[in-house]
Protein backbone atom coordinates (compact mmCIF):
# COMPACT_ATOMS: atom_id res chain seq x y z
CA MET A 1 -7.05 -0.81 4.19
CA GLY A 2 -5.36 -2.76 1.41
CA LYS A 3 -4.36 -1.50 -1.98
CA LYS A 4 -6.84 -1.64 -4.82
CA LYS A 5 -6.53 -4.76 -6.95
CA LEU A 6 -6.54 -4.36 -10.70
CA CYS A 7 -7.11 -7.06 -13.31
CA VAL A 8 -4.34 -7.40 -15.91
CA PRO A 9 -3.28 -10.01 -18.47
CA LYS A 10 -0.59 -12.42 -17.41
CA ASP A 11 2.84 -12.00 -18.99
CA GLY A 12 3.25 -13.96 -22.18
CA VAL A 13 -0.43 -14.04 -23.16
CA GLY A 14 -0.59 -13.46 -26.90
CA ASP A 15 -2.56 -10.91 -28.86
CA ALA A 16 -4.98 -13.48 -30.30
CA THR A 17 -6.05 -14.58 -26.82
CA LEU A 18 -6.23 -11.02 -25.57
CA GLN A 19 -8.41 -10.08 -28.53
CA LYS A 20 -10.79 -12.93 -27.65
CA ASN A 21 -10.92 -11.67 -24.06
CA PHE A 22 -11.56 -8.13 -25.30
CA ASP A 23 -14.33 -9.25 -27.64
CA TRP A 24 -16.01 -11.29 -24.91
CA VAL A 25 -15.85 -8.49 -22.35
CA CYS A 26 -17.23 -5.99 -24.86
CA GLY A 27 -20.15 -8.34 -25.40
CA GLN A 28 -20.86 -8.03 -21.67
CA GLY A 29 -21.72 -4.35 -22.01
CA ILE A 30 -18.73 -2.53 -20.54
CA ASP A 31 -18.19 1.11 -21.51
CA ARG A 32 -15.62 1.07 -24.32
CA SER A 33 -15.73 4.78 -25.09
CA PRO A 34 -12.39 5.53 -23.34
CA ILE A 35 -10.55 3.03 -25.55
CA GLN A 36 -12.01 3.76 -28.97
CA PRO A 37 -9.38 4.35 -31.69
CA ASP A 38 -10.33 8.02 -32.14
CA VAL A 39 -9.73 8.88 -28.47
CA VAL A 40 -6.46 10.81 -28.22
CA TYR A 41 -5.32 9.79 -24.73
CA VAL A 42 -5.43 6.04 -25.30
CA GLY A 43 -1.70 6.03 -25.97
CA PRO A 44 -0.40 2.96 -27.69
CA ALA A 45 -3.60 1.39 -29.00
CA THR A 46 -2.25 -2.13 -28.69
CA VAL A 47 -4.35 -5.22 -28.24
CA ARG A 48 -2.76 -5.62 -24.79
CA SER A 49 -3.59 -2.08 -23.63
CA ARG A 50 -7.18 -2.26 -24.88
CA ALA A 51 -7.71 -5.73 -23.41
CA THR A 52 -6.22 -4.64 -20.08
CA PHE A 53 -8.61 -1.72 -19.87
CA ALA A 54 -11.62 -3.87 -20.81
CA MET A 55 -10.73 -6.78 -18.52
CA ASN A 56 -10.15 -4.45 -15.57
CA SER A 57 -13.44 -2.65 -16.27
CA TYR A 58 -15.28 -5.97 -16.22
CA HIS A 59 -13.54 -6.98 -13.00
CA ARG A 60 -14.51 -3.67 -11.36
CA ARG A 61 -18.13 -3.96 -12.55
CA LYS A 62 -18.34 -7.40 -10.95
CA GLY A 63 -17.26 -6.02 -7.57
CA ASP A 64 -13.55 -6.89 -7.82
CA ILE A 65 -14.14 -10.57 -7.10
CA GLU A 66 -11.21 -12.83 -7.99
CA SER A 67 -13.27 -15.05 -10.30
CA ALA A 68 -14.07 -12.00 -12.48
CA CYS A 69 -10.35 -11.74 -13.29
CA ASP A 70 -9.54 -15.18 -14.60
CA PHE A 71 -10.36 -15.14 -18.31
CA ARG A 72 -9.47 -18.80 -18.75
CA SER A 73 -6.31 -18.42 -16.67
CA THR A 74 -4.96 -15.58 -18.83
CA ALA A 75 -5.33 -12.78 -16.26
CA GLN A 76 -4.45 -12.01 -12.67
CA THR A 77 -5.04 -9.35 -10.08
CA THR A 78 -2.27 -7.00 -9.07
CA THR A 79 -1.80 -3.95 -6.90
CA LYS A 80 0.64 -2.50 -9.44
CA ASP A 81 -1.19 0.24 -11.33
CA PRO A 82 -0.93 -0.25 -15.13
CA SER A 83 -1.88 3.40 -15.81
CA TYR A 84 0.24 5.36 -18.26
CA GLY A 85 0.16 8.94 -19.49
CA LYS A 86 -3.39 10.26 -19.35
CA CYS A 87 -4.85 6.74 -19.36
CA LYS A 88 -5.74 6.06 -15.74
CA TYR A 89 -7.11 2.78 -14.44
CA VAL A 90 -9.70 3.04 -11.69
């Protein structure tokens, strides 16, 4: 069985674009409670970390299909786990 694929932003994608991706995904009804600013384990609450979590959550909710991890060519799937500290991607 292959490794789990996770959806992450491509290198070099700027914060403004990632914020747009985050806003769009949040409008799709994903659970944002783990990445709210008052949650201690979020770690560095950067636009990139929050967008990564949201984009991957959307990708997972859509059944891990490749097209659910495109975001206008600003994201890609990877088998490298972006988890850090207590923030675990599933």
